[in-house]
Amino acid sequence: MLDSSPKPLVSVRDLKMHFPIHAGLLRRRVGEVKAVDGVSFDVMEGETLGLVGESGCGKSTCGRAVLRLYDITSGAIMIDGEDIGDSTQAQLRTKRPTMQMVFQDPQASLNPRMTVEAIIKEPLDEHTKLTEAEKREKVGELMDAVGLNRQFAKRYPQAFSGGQRQRIGIARALALNPKFIVCDEPIAALDVSIQAQVVNLLEDLQQQFGLTYLFISHDLSMVRHIATRVAVMYLGKIVELAPREALYAEPLHPYTKALLSAVPEPDPSLARASERIILQGDVPSPANPPQGCNFCTRCPAVMDICKTTEPEYKEVRPGRFTACHLYENKTNTAG
């Protein structure tokens, strides 16, 4: 009998992205910012893995590191069966068509001196040998796919709204028929009325082209709408990963509980003040994280062991992973 279970398209193991801190006239290295510090997860083929957390927790850095937009500090990154963790940028060139990115700010990510046609065509110029006529036809097909009028191909980005600019960015990401796309807060810079349109577009394109997404966002309501599974990140580490409905119905990690308690309730009459968890103190610096559990300085359920021993990231229930001393069963794995 054939195994029909989903297989990981992307596997990340113990990924670290540390940025050096230099000081003094001689610019000596005096420390490092641990933006991503030992992250492990899988993204199954055809799914959307949501990556959430507070601003500054390392979500965007993690997404860029997975695509090797940075030279990572250490770790393994398997994409479609190939380890790119220690590949040079020259070696990565042949892999770029299969993995793309949609950036947060559509205005900053589009060259204002290039027309829409030139922006979408640029990946085709770099990675294909299509004729100019074939490239123009491909650009037209991509504009159709993202809901842009082909007649706008000769216009410049500043002639478009924020939502339309993001559609241009999505079309550019699709140009080389990628398998995996990192969506780095693709709706954060958009009006609320446009956000749902872009998310619905991403879902439609996923079905049409068989895409796999890592969807990075701090908008927990939108992540619940689009994600298959959700990973929660705090201070450079993943503290919980679970199927969407299970995580929203019963969060396990105290940080996840605090995050979900802050999600606004559409019907105020259903909200209960006793359910709101107010975290005390500030997020520690990633240049000097706490000893033991990173969350111990703000956790309402902190124990003595949390202040001295880092919890293992392990499967505590079928399909549910967390890093917390409150859960001490199951074997350690990456999820």
Protein backbone atom coordinates (compact mmCIF):
# COMPACT_ATOMS: atom_id res chain seq x y z
CA MET A 1 0.00 0.00 0.00
CA LEU A 2 1.39 3.38 -1.01
CA ASP A 3 2.12 5.96 1.68
CA SER A 4 -0.18 8.91 0.99
CA SER A 5 0.89 10.93 4.04
CA PRO A 6 2.24 14.42 3.27
CA LYS A 7 6.01 14.74 2.95
CA PRO A 8 8.08 17.74 4.01
CA LEU A 9 9.11 20.01 1.16
CA VAL A 10 11.19 22.06 3.60
CA SER A 11 13.02 20.71 6.64
CA VAL A 12 14.90 23.06 8.96
CA ARG A 13 17.08 21.70 11.75
CA ASP A 14 18.79 23.71 14.49
CA LEU A 15 18.91 26.88 12.38
CA LYS A 16 20.92 29.71 13.91
CA MET A 17 21.35 33.25 12.63
CA HIS A 18 23.57 35.30 14.94
CA PHE A 19 24.62 38.83 14.03
CA PRO A 20 27.94 40.09 15.44
CA ILE A 21 28.15 43.18 17.65
CA HIS A 22 31.27 45.30 17.14
CA ALA A 23 32.48 48.18 19.30
CA GLY A 24 35.41 50.51 19.70
CA LEU A 25 37.76 52.10 17.21
CA LEU A 26 39.09 48.71 16.14
CA ARG A 27 35.57 47.34 15.74
CA ARG A 28 36.29 44.31 17.88
CA ARG A 29 33.55 41.74 18.21
CA VAL A 30 32.07 42.08 21.70
CA GLY A 31 28.94 39.97 21.39
CA GLU A 32 26.22 38.74 19.09
CA VAL A 33 22.49 39.16 18.55
CA LYS A 34 20.86 35.74 18.55
CA ALA A 35 18.05 36.61 16.14
CA VAL A 36 17.35 32.94 15.35
CA ASP A 37 18.71 30.49 17.89
CA GLY A 38 18.22 26.80 17.20
CA VAL A 39 14.96 26.64 15.23
CA SER A 40 13.66 23.34 13.80
CA PHE A 41 10.48 22.70 11.80
CA ASP A 42 9.07 21.07 8.68
CA VAL A 43 6.81 22.56 6.03
CA MET A 44 4.76 19.85 4.36
CA GLU A 45 4.27 19.90 0.62
CA GLY A 46 1.15 21.90 -0.27
CA GLU A 47 0.54 23.31 3.22
CA THR A 48 0.76 26.77 4.75
CA LEU A 49 2.80 26.93 7.92
CA GLY A 50 2.05 30.10 9.87
CA LEU A 51 4.91 31.64 11.85
CA VAL A 52 3.72 34.10 14.50
CA GLY A 53 5.09 36.09 17.41
CA GLU A 54 5.72 39.61 18.68
CA SER A 55 7.69 42.14 16.66
CA GLY A 56 11.39 41.49 17.07
CA CYS A 57 11.06 37.79 17.88
CA GLY A 58 13.02 36.74 14.78
CA LYS A 59 10.20 35.70 12.40
CA SER A 60 11.36 37.64 9.34
CA THR A 61 15.01 36.78 9.95
CA CYS A 62 14.04 33.12 10.13
CA GLY A 63 12.17 33.32 6.82
CA ARG A 64 15.07 35.04 5.06
CA ALA A 65 17.56 32.59 6.55
CA VAL A 66 15.53 29.62 5.28
CA LEU A 67 15.80 31.06 1.75
CA ARG A 68 19.51 31.68 2.37
CA LEU A 69 19.23 35.40 1.83
CA TYR A 70 21.72 35.42 4.71
CA ASP A 71 24.84 33.34 5.21
CA ILE A 72 23.53 31.46 8.21
CA THR A 73 25.55 30.84 11.37
CA SER A 74 24.76 27.12 11.45
CA GLY A 75 22.04 24.57 10.82
CA ALA A 76 20.60 22.37 8.07
CA ILE A 77 18.04 23.56 5.51
CA MET A 78 16.60 20.86 3.24
CA ILE A 79 14.46 22.13 0.37
CA ASP A 80 13.01 19.54 -1.99
CA GLY A 81 15.54 16.99 -0.77
CA GLU A 82 18.64 19.19 -1.17
CA ASP A 83 20.61 20.65 1.73
CA ILE A 84 21.30 24.33 1.04
CA GLY A 85 22.51 25.21 4.52
CA ASP A 86 26.19 25.42 3.56
CA SER A 87 25.77 26.23 -0.15
CA THR A 88 27.54 29.28 -1.53
CA GLN A 89 25.52 32.05 -3.13
CA ALA A 90 26.82 30.93 -6.53
CA GLN A 91 25.61 27.37 -5.88
CA LEU A 92 22.23 28.69 -4.72
CA ARG A 93 21.60 30.34 -8.08
CA THR A 94 20.34 27.09 -9.59
CA LYS A 95 18.00 26.60 -6.61
CA ARG A 96 16.52 30.12 -6.59
CA PRO A 97 13.71 29.39 -9.10
CA THR A 98 12.14 26.84 -6.72
CA MET A 99 12.03 29.19 -3.70
CA GLN A 100 10.82 32.76 -3.71
CA MET A 101 9.71 35.51 -1.34
CA VAL A 102 6.87 38.00 -1.05
CA PHE A 103 8.09 40.98 0.96
CA GLN A 104 6.29 42.98 3.63
CA ASP A 105 6.41 46.44 2.08
CA PRO A 106 5.29 46.35 -1.57
CA GLN A 107 6.44 49.92 -2.13
CA ALA A 108 9.99 49.32 -0.92
CA SER A 109 10.36 45.95 -2.66
CA LEU A 110 9.53 47.25 -6.16
CA ASN A 111 11.98 49.32 -8.18
CA PRO A 112 10.24 52.66 -8.89
CA ARG A 113 12.27 53.08 -12.10
CA MET A 114 11.02 49.85 -13.64
CA THR A 115 7.65 49.24 -15.26
CA VAL A 116 5.37 46.47 -14.03
CA GLU A 117 6.31 44.40 -17.07
CA ALA A 118 10.03 44.82 -16.39
CA ILE A 119 9.63 43.95 -12.69
CA ILE A 120 7.73 40.72 -13.36
CA LYS A 121 10.00 39.85 -16.30
CA GLU A 122 13.25 40.32 -14.41
CA PRO A 123 13.38 36.74 -12.99
CA LEU A 124 12.69 35.40 -16.50
CA ASP A 125 15.60 37.47 -17.85
CA GLU A 126 17.93 36.06 -15.20
CA HIS A 127 16.94 32.39 -15.14
CA THR A 128 15.34 31.45 -18.48
CA LYS A 129 16.13 31.48 -22.19
CA LEU A 130 12.64 32.46 -23.33
CA THR A 131 12.27 34.84 -26.24
CA GLU A 132 11.05 38.37 -25.58
CA ALA A 133 7.65 37.49 -27.04
CA GLU A 134 7.39 34.46 -24.74
CA LYS A 135 8.40 36.58 -21.74
CA ARG A 136 5.75 39.20 -22.51
CA GLU A 137 3.12 36.49 -22.82
CA LYS A 138 4.24 34.97 -19.52
CA VAL A 139 4.02 38.39 -17.85
CA GLY A 140 0.49 38.78 -19.18
CA GLU A 141 -0.50 35.38 -17.80
CA LEU A 142 0.94 36.24 -14.40
CA MET A 143 -0.90 39.58 -14.34
CA ASP A 144 -4.11 37.72 -15.13
CA ALA A 145 -3.41 35.23 -12.33
CA VAL A 146 -3.03 37.95 -9.67
CA GLY A 147 -5.95 40.07 -10.91
CA LEU A 148 -4.08 42.89 -12.67
CA ASN A 149 -5.13 44.35 -16.01
CA ARG A 150 -2.59 43.59 -18.75
CA GLN A 151 -3.02 47.15 -20.02
CA PHE A 152 -1.18 48.35 -16.90
CA ALA A 153 2.05 46.54 -17.86
CA LYS A 154 3.83 49.74 -18.96
CA ARG A 155 2.95 51.68 -15.83
CA TYR A 156 5.28 52.26 -12.88
CA PRO A 157 4.70 51.03 -9.28
CA GLN A 158 3.86 54.51 -7.97
CA ALA A 159 0.74 54.50 -10.16
CA PHE A 160 -0.77 51.66 -8.12
CA SER A 161 -2.35 51.26 -4.71
CA GLY A 162 -0.71 49.26 -1.94
CA GLY A 163 -2.80 46.19 -2.66
CA GLN A 164 -2.04 46.36 -6.37
CA ARG A 165 1.69 46.72 -5.65
CA GLN A 166 1.57 43.60 -3.52
CA ARG A 167 -0.10 41.76 -6.41
CA ILE A 168 2.84 42.83 -8.59
CA GLY A 169 5.22 41.41 -6.01
CA ILE A 170 3.28 38.15 -5.90
CA ALA A 171 3.33 37.93 -9.72
CA ARG A 172 7.11 38.41 -9.67
CA ALA A 173 7.46 35.64 -7.08
CA LEU A 174 5.44 33.28 -9.30
CA ALA A 175 7.40 34.01 -12.48
CA LEU A 176 9.73 31.00 -12.21
CA ASN A 177 7.07 28.49 -11.10
CA PRO A 178 8.43 28.06 -7.54
CA LYS A 179 7.42 25.27 -5.19
CA PHE A 180 8.03 27.18 -1.95
CA ILE A 181 7.25 30.82 -1.13
CA VAL A 182 8.04 32.70 2.08
CA CYS A 183 5.38 35.35 2.64
CA ASP A 184 7.01 37.85 5.02
CA GLU A 185 4.08 39.73 6.58
CA PRO A 186 2.58 40.32 3.11
CA ILE A 187 -0.49 42.12 4.48
CA ALA A 188 1.07 44.18 7.28
CA ALA A 189 1.47 47.33 5.14
CA LEU A 190 -2.01 47.12 3.61
CA ASP A 191 -5.37 48.61 4.56
CA VAL A 192 -7.63 46.27 6.49
CA SER A 193 -10.11 46.22 3.62
CA ILE A 194 -7.40 44.95 1.26
CA GLN A 195 -5.78 42.39 3.55
CA ALA A 196 -8.49 39.76 3.09
CA GLN A 197 -8.31 40.16 -0.70
CA VAL A 198 -4.58 39.45 -0.73
CA VAL A 199 -4.91 36.45 1.61
CA ASN A 200 -7.73 35.03 -0.53
CA LEU A 201 -5.55 35.55 -3.61
CA LEU A 202 -2.68 33.64 -1.98
CA GLU A 203 -5.04 30.77 -1.18
CA ASP A 204 -6.37 30.67 -4.74
CA LEU A 205 -2.84 30.69 -6.18
CA GLN A 206 -1.83 27.91 -3.81
CA GLN A 207 -4.58 25.70 -5.23
CA GLN A 208 -3.86 26.73 -8.82
CA PHE A 209 -0.08 26.27 -8.77
CA GLY A 210 0.38 23.72 -5.97
CA LEU A 211 2.37 26.12 -3.78
CA THR A 212 3.78 25.62 -0.30
CA TYR A 213 3.90 28.68 1.99
CA LEU A 214 5.72 29.82 5.08
CA PHE A 215 3.36 32.63 6.10
CA ILE A 216 4.96 35.04 8.57
CA SER A 217 2.64 37.41 10.42
CA HIS A 218 1.80 38.98 13.75
CA ASP A 219 -1.91 39.00 12.80
CA LEU A 220 -3.19 35.91 14.59
CA SER A 221 -6.70 36.26 13.15
CA MET A 222 -5.42 36.19 9.57
CA VAL A 223 -3.04 33.32 10.31
CA ARG A 224 -5.98 31.31 11.62
CA HIS A 225 -7.71 31.87 8.28
CA ILE A 226 -4.85 30.79 5.99
CA ALA A 227 -2.54 28.45 7.92
CA THR A 228 -2.65 24.66 8.09
CA ARG A 229 -0.35 24.55 11.11
CA VAL A 230 1.01 27.36 13.28
CA ALA A 231 4.46 27.82 14.85
CA VAL A 232 4.85 30.35 17.67
CA MET A 233 8.20 32.09 18.03
CA TYR A 234 9.64 33.95 21.00
CA LEU A 235 13.10 35.54 21.23
CA GLY A 236 14.62 33.50 18.41
CA LYS A 237 13.11 30.13 19.32
CA ILE A 238 9.96 28.22 18.43
CA VAL A 239 8.05 27.57 21.64
CA GLU A 240 5.00 25.79 20.20
CA LEU A 241 3.87 24.21 16.93
CA ALA A 242 0.48 22.62 16.36
CA PRO A 243 -2.35 22.18 13.86
CA ARG A 244 -4.28 25.42 13.51
CA GLU A 245 -7.54 24.46 15.17
CA ALA A 246 -5.83 22.61 18.02
CA LEU A 247 -3.58 25.56 18.81
CA TYR A 248 -6.38 28.13 18.80
CA ALA A 249 -8.73 25.89 20.78
CA GLU A 250 -6.22 24.83 23.44
CA PRO A 251 -2.81 26.57 23.44
CA LEU A 252 -0.23 24.77 25.57
CA HIS A 253 2.68 27.16 26.04
CA PRO A 254 2.10 30.11 28.40
CA TYR A 255 3.37 32.53 25.74
CA THR A 256 0.90 31.18 23.17
CA LYS A 257 -1.90 31.57 25.70
CA ALA A 258 -0.91 35.20 26.29
CA LEU A 259 -0.74 35.93 22.55
CA LEU A 260 -4.17 34.44 21.85
CA SER A 261 -5.72 36.21 24.82
CA ALA A 262 -4.75 39.53 23.20
CA VAL A 263 -6.60 38.81 19.94
CA PRO A 264 -9.54 41.25 19.72
CA GLU A 265 -12.99 39.65 20.00
CA PRO A 266 -15.34 40.84 17.20
CA ASP A 267 -18.27 40.69 19.61
CA PRO A 268 -17.26 42.56 22.79
CA SER A 269 -20.07 40.89 24.71
CA LEU A 270 -18.27 37.55 24.29
CA ALA A 271 -14.96 38.81 25.67
CA ARG A 272 -14.25 38.17 29.35
CA ALA A 273 -11.69 40.28 31.18
CA SER A 274 -10.58 37.26 33.23
CA GLU A 275 -9.30 35.55 30.06
CA ARG A 276 -6.89 38.36 29.18
CA ILE A 277 -3.28 37.59 30.15
CA ILE A 278 -1.14 40.68 30.69
CA LEU A 279 2.56 39.84 30.46
CA GLN A 280 4.80 41.72 32.87
CA GLY A 281 8.12 43.29 31.92
CA ASP A 282 9.78 43.80 28.56
CA VAL A 283 11.04 41.32 26.00
CA PRO A 284 14.70 40.54 26.87
CA SER A 285 17.42 41.53 24.45
CA PRO A 286 18.39 38.83 21.94
CA ALA A 287 21.97 39.94 22.58
CA ASN A 288 21.62 38.83 26.21
CA PRO A 289 18.81 36.26 26.54
CA PRO A 290 17.93 34.88 29.98
CA GLN A 291 19.53 31.74 31.31
CA GLY A 292 17.25 28.72 31.09
CA CYS A 293 13.94 29.33 29.33
CA ASN A 294 13.85 32.52 27.26
CA PHE A 295 10.32 33.23 28.51
CA CYS A 296 11.06 32.76 32.22
CA THR A 297 11.31 36.49 32.96
CA ARG A 298 7.70 37.10 31.86
CA CYS A 299 6.00 33.72 32.30
CA PRO A 300 3.04 33.63 34.73
CA ALA A 301 3.68 29.90 35.31
CA VAL A 302 7.45 30.17 35.91
CA MET A 303 9.12 27.49 38.08
CA ASP A 304 12.62 27.31 39.56
CA ILE A 305 13.81 24.92 36.85
CA CYS A 306 12.78 27.44 34.16
CA LYS A 307 15.44 29.88 35.41
CA THR A 308 18.34 27.45 35.10
CA THR A 309 17.50 24.81 32.47
CA GLU A 310 16.39 25.37 28.88
CA PRO A 311 13.32 23.23 28.08
CA GLU A 312 13.49 20.71 25.24
CA TYR A 313 11.40 21.27 22.14
CA LYS A 314 9.46 18.01 21.96
CA GLU A 315 6.24 16.36 20.89
CA VAL A 316 3.94 16.36 23.92
CA ARG A 317 0.77 15.25 22.15
CA PRO A 318 0.28 13.73 18.68
CA GLY A 319 1.24 16.45 16.21
CA ARG A 320 1.78 19.02 18.96
CA PHE A 321 5.23 20.32 19.88
CA THR A 322 6.29 22.69 22.61
CA ALA A 323 9.31 23.79 24.62
CA CYS A 324 8.09 24.09 28.20
CA HIS A 325 8.90 22.42 31.52
CA LEU A 326 5.18 22.01 32.17
CA TYR A 327 5.24 19.12 29.68
CA GLU A 328 7.72 16.36 30.33
CA ASN A 329 6.58 13.43 28.15
CA LYS A 330 7.14 12.16 24.58
CA THR A 331 10.38 12.03 22.62
CA ASN A 332 12.22 15.02 21.29
CA THR A 333 11.68 15.75 17.59
CA ALA A 334 11.43 18.65 15.19
CA GLY A 335 7.89 18.68 13.89
